[in-house]
Amino acid sequence: MCYLCGVKTLNTLRRILAIDDDPINRQLLEIYLANDFEHKVVNNAKQAIDALGKAEFDLIVTDINLEGAEDGIWLARYIKAAPKYEHIPVIAFTAHLISYLGRDNFKDAFDYIIEKPVMKKQFVAKLNEILSTLELQ
C-alpha cells in the first residue's frame, strides 16, 4: 500500500494461497512461488479455509481434483459465496481442463485458469499479469 497516496502497489499484492493434494505438485508450487511471492501451500479445502481465516491473500490457486468431498470447484464456490473472501480471484490449476469446461459450476467458480503442466517462468508471469490487473482496479 502506498500510504501517502492510498493506492495499493504491486508489492502488496503478492500473497498467494495454493492448494494441491499431490505432494509433487505441492513441492513444485513451493518452488515456483518461493522467490516471487509470499505464499502458503496446503493440501486440501479444509486447510485452505483455515489458512484464509488466519491470513489475507491476494490470489488463490487451486487444483480442481482435490481428495475428499470438497474439491477445488467446491472450494472456489465457497470462497465466492463468502463476503469476506469473494473479492479474491481464484485460479483453477489443473491438468484436466477439458473434462471440466462443459460444467456450469466450473465456469462461474473460477476467475482464471492455468493448465498443467506449466513451466515456472510462464506460471509466475501469469500470476504477475493477474496481480497487475488487480492493481489497476
Protein backbone atom coordinates (compact mmCIF):
# COMPACT_ATOMS: atom_id res chain seq x y z
CA MET A 1 0.00 0.00 0.00
CA CYS A 2 1.26 3.43 -0.84
CA TYR A 3 0.30 5.03 2.47
CA LEU A 4 0.79 8.56 1.20
CA CYS A 5 -1.44 8.14 -1.84
CA GLY A 6 -3.83 5.43 -0.54
CA VAL A 7 -3.25 3.15 -3.53
CA LYS A 8 -2.23 -0.49 -3.40
CA THR A 9 1.11 -1.12 -5.03
CA LEU A 10 2.11 -4.34 -6.77
CA ASN A 11 4.42 -5.22 -3.87
CA THR A 12 1.45 -5.52 -1.51
CA LEU A 13 -0.46 -7.85 -3.88
CA ARG A 14 1.87 -10.77 -3.53
CA ARG A 15 0.26 -13.20 -1.08
CA ILE A 16 -0.71 -16.46 -2.73
CA LEU A 17 -2.64 -19.38 -1.25
CA ALA A 18 -2.06 -22.56 -3.25
CA ILE A 19 -3.94 -25.83 -2.82
CA ASP A 20 -2.98 -29.19 -4.31
CA ASP A 21 -3.36 -32.66 -2.83
CA ASP A 22 -0.49 -34.17 -4.82
CA PRO A 23 2.80 -33.94 -2.86
CA ILE A 24 4.88 -33.49 -6.02
CA ASN A 25 2.65 -30.66 -7.22
CA ARG A 26 2.81 -29.01 -3.78
CA GLN A 27 6.58 -29.19 -3.91
CA LEU A 28 6.52 -27.67 -7.40
CA LEU A 29 4.23 -24.87 -6.20
CA GLU A 30 6.63 -24.17 -3.32
CA ILE A 31 9.49 -23.90 -5.80
CA TYR A 32 7.51 -21.80 -8.29
CA LEU A 33 6.28 -19.34 -5.65
CA ALA A 34 9.37 -19.22 -3.42
CA ASN A 35 11.28 -16.28 -4.83
CA ASP A 36 8.48 -14.14 -6.20
CA PHE A 37 5.58 -14.29 -3.72
CA GLU A 38 4.69 -14.65 -0.09
CA HIS A 39 2.78 -17.91 -0.10
CA LYS A 40 1.20 -20.76 1.75
CA VAL A 41 0.74 -24.17 0.14
CA VAL A 42 -1.81 -26.59 1.61
CA ASN A 43 -3.19 -29.95 0.51
CA ASN A 44 -6.99 -29.71 0.86
CA ALA A 45 -10.00 -27.42 1.03
CA LYS A 46 -10.27 -27.57 4.83
CA GLN A 47 -6.67 -26.42 5.24
CA ALA A 48 -7.30 -23.67 2.68
CA ILE A 49 -10.31 -22.37 4.61
CA ASP A 50 -8.27 -22.48 7.83
CA ALA A 51 -5.47 -20.51 6.13
CA LEU A 52 -7.96 -17.92 4.84
CA GLY A 53 -9.14 -17.39 8.40
CA LYS A 54 -5.61 -16.71 9.64
CA ALA A 55 -4.12 -14.51 6.90
CA GLU A 56 -5.05 -12.32 3.97
CA PHE A 57 -4.34 -13.50 0.44
CA ASP A 58 -4.42 -11.69 -2.88
CA LEU A 59 -4.79 -14.77 -5.11
CA ILE A 60 -5.84 -18.35 -4.64
CA VAL A 61 -4.51 -21.08 -6.90
CA THR A 62 -6.24 -24.43 -6.53
CA ASP A 63 -6.16 -27.79 -8.17
CA ILE A 64 -9.63 -28.99 -9.12
CA ASN A 65 -9.24 -32.68 -8.26
CA LEU A 66 -8.67 -32.43 -4.54
CA GLU A 67 -9.16 -35.56 -2.47
CA GLY A 68 -12.25 -35.73 -0.31
CA ALA A 69 -15.74 -34.35 -0.66
CA GLU A 70 -14.55 -30.75 -1.01
CA ASP A 71 -12.83 -30.47 -4.39
CA GLY A 72 -11.40 -27.33 -5.98
CA ILE A 73 -14.74 -26.35 -7.54
CA TRP A 74 -16.43 -26.65 -4.14
CA LEU A 75 -13.66 -24.53 -2.61
CA ALA A 76 -13.89 -21.85 -5.29
CA ARG A 77 -17.67 -21.62 -4.89
CA TYR A 78 -17.28 -21.43 -1.10
CA ILE A 79 -14.83 -18.54 -1.49
CA LYS A 80 -17.09 -16.70 -3.95
CA ALA A 81 -20.09 -17.11 -1.61
CA ALA A 82 -18.27 -15.73 1.46
CA PRO A 83 -18.45 -11.92 1.64
CA LYS A 84 -15.08 -11.81 3.42
CA TYR A 85 -13.32 -13.65 0.57
CA GLU A 86 -15.43 -13.04 -2.56
CA HIS A 87 -13.04 -10.34 -3.82
CA ILE A 88 -10.10 -12.78 -4.02
CA PRO A 89 -9.52 -14.13 -7.55
CA VAL A 90 -9.50 -17.92 -7.69
CA ILE A 91 -7.35 -19.63 -10.31
CA ALA A 92 -8.04 -23.19 -11.44
CA PHE A 93 -4.72 -25.02 -11.72
CA THR A 94 -5.49 -28.28 -13.47
CA ALA A 95 -4.25 -30.94 -15.84
CA HIS A 96 -7.83 -31.98 -16.64
CA LEU A 97 -9.26 -28.80 -18.13
CA ILE A 98 -11.16 -30.46 -20.98
CA SER A 99 -13.20 -32.64 -18.63
CA TYR A 100 -14.41 -29.59 -16.68
CA LEU A 101 -15.07 -26.96 -19.34
CA GLY A 102 -18.66 -28.03 -20.01
CA ARG A 103 -19.72 -27.97 -16.36
CA ASP A 104 -21.71 -24.89 -15.38
CA ASN A 105 -20.41 -24.89 -11.84
CA PHE A 106 -16.86 -24.74 -13.21
CA LYS A 107 -17.41 -21.64 -15.32
CA ASP A 108 -18.71 -19.42 -12.53
CA ALA A 109 -16.35 -20.70 -9.84
CA PHE A 110 -13.01 -19.58 -11.27
CA ASP A 111 -11.69 -16.22 -12.41
CA TYR A 112 -8.71 -17.62 -14.32
CA ILE A 113 -7.32 -20.96 -15.48
CA ILE A 114 -3.72 -22.16 -15.62
CA GLU A 115 -3.32 -25.53 -17.24
CA LYS A 116 -0.78 -28.09 -16.02
CA PRO A 117 1.91 -28.76 -16.90
CA VAL A 118 3.37 -25.27 -16.91
CA MET A 119 6.92 -24.04 -16.58
CA LYS A 120 7.87 -21.74 -13.71
CA LYS A 121 8.51 -18.74 -15.95
CA GLN A 122 5.04 -18.94 -17.52
CA PHE A 123 3.35 -19.64 -14.18
CA VAL A 124 4.96 -16.65 -12.46
CA ALA A 125 4.28 -14.44 -15.49
CA LYS A 126 0.57 -15.36 -15.43
CA LEU A 127 0.30 -14.65 -11.70
CA ASN A 128 2.05 -11.31 -12.17
CA GLU A 129 -0.28 -10.49 -15.06
CA ILE A 130 -3.29 -11.19 -12.85
CA LEU A 131 -1.79 -9.16 -10.00
CA SER A 132 -1.17 -6.21 -12.30
CA THR A 133 -4.79 -6.39 -13.47
CA LEU A 134 -5.89 -6.20 -9.83
CA GLU A 135 -3.56 -3.25 -9.35
CA LEU A 136 -5.49 -1.29 -11.99
CA GLN A 137 -8.88 -1.87 -10.36
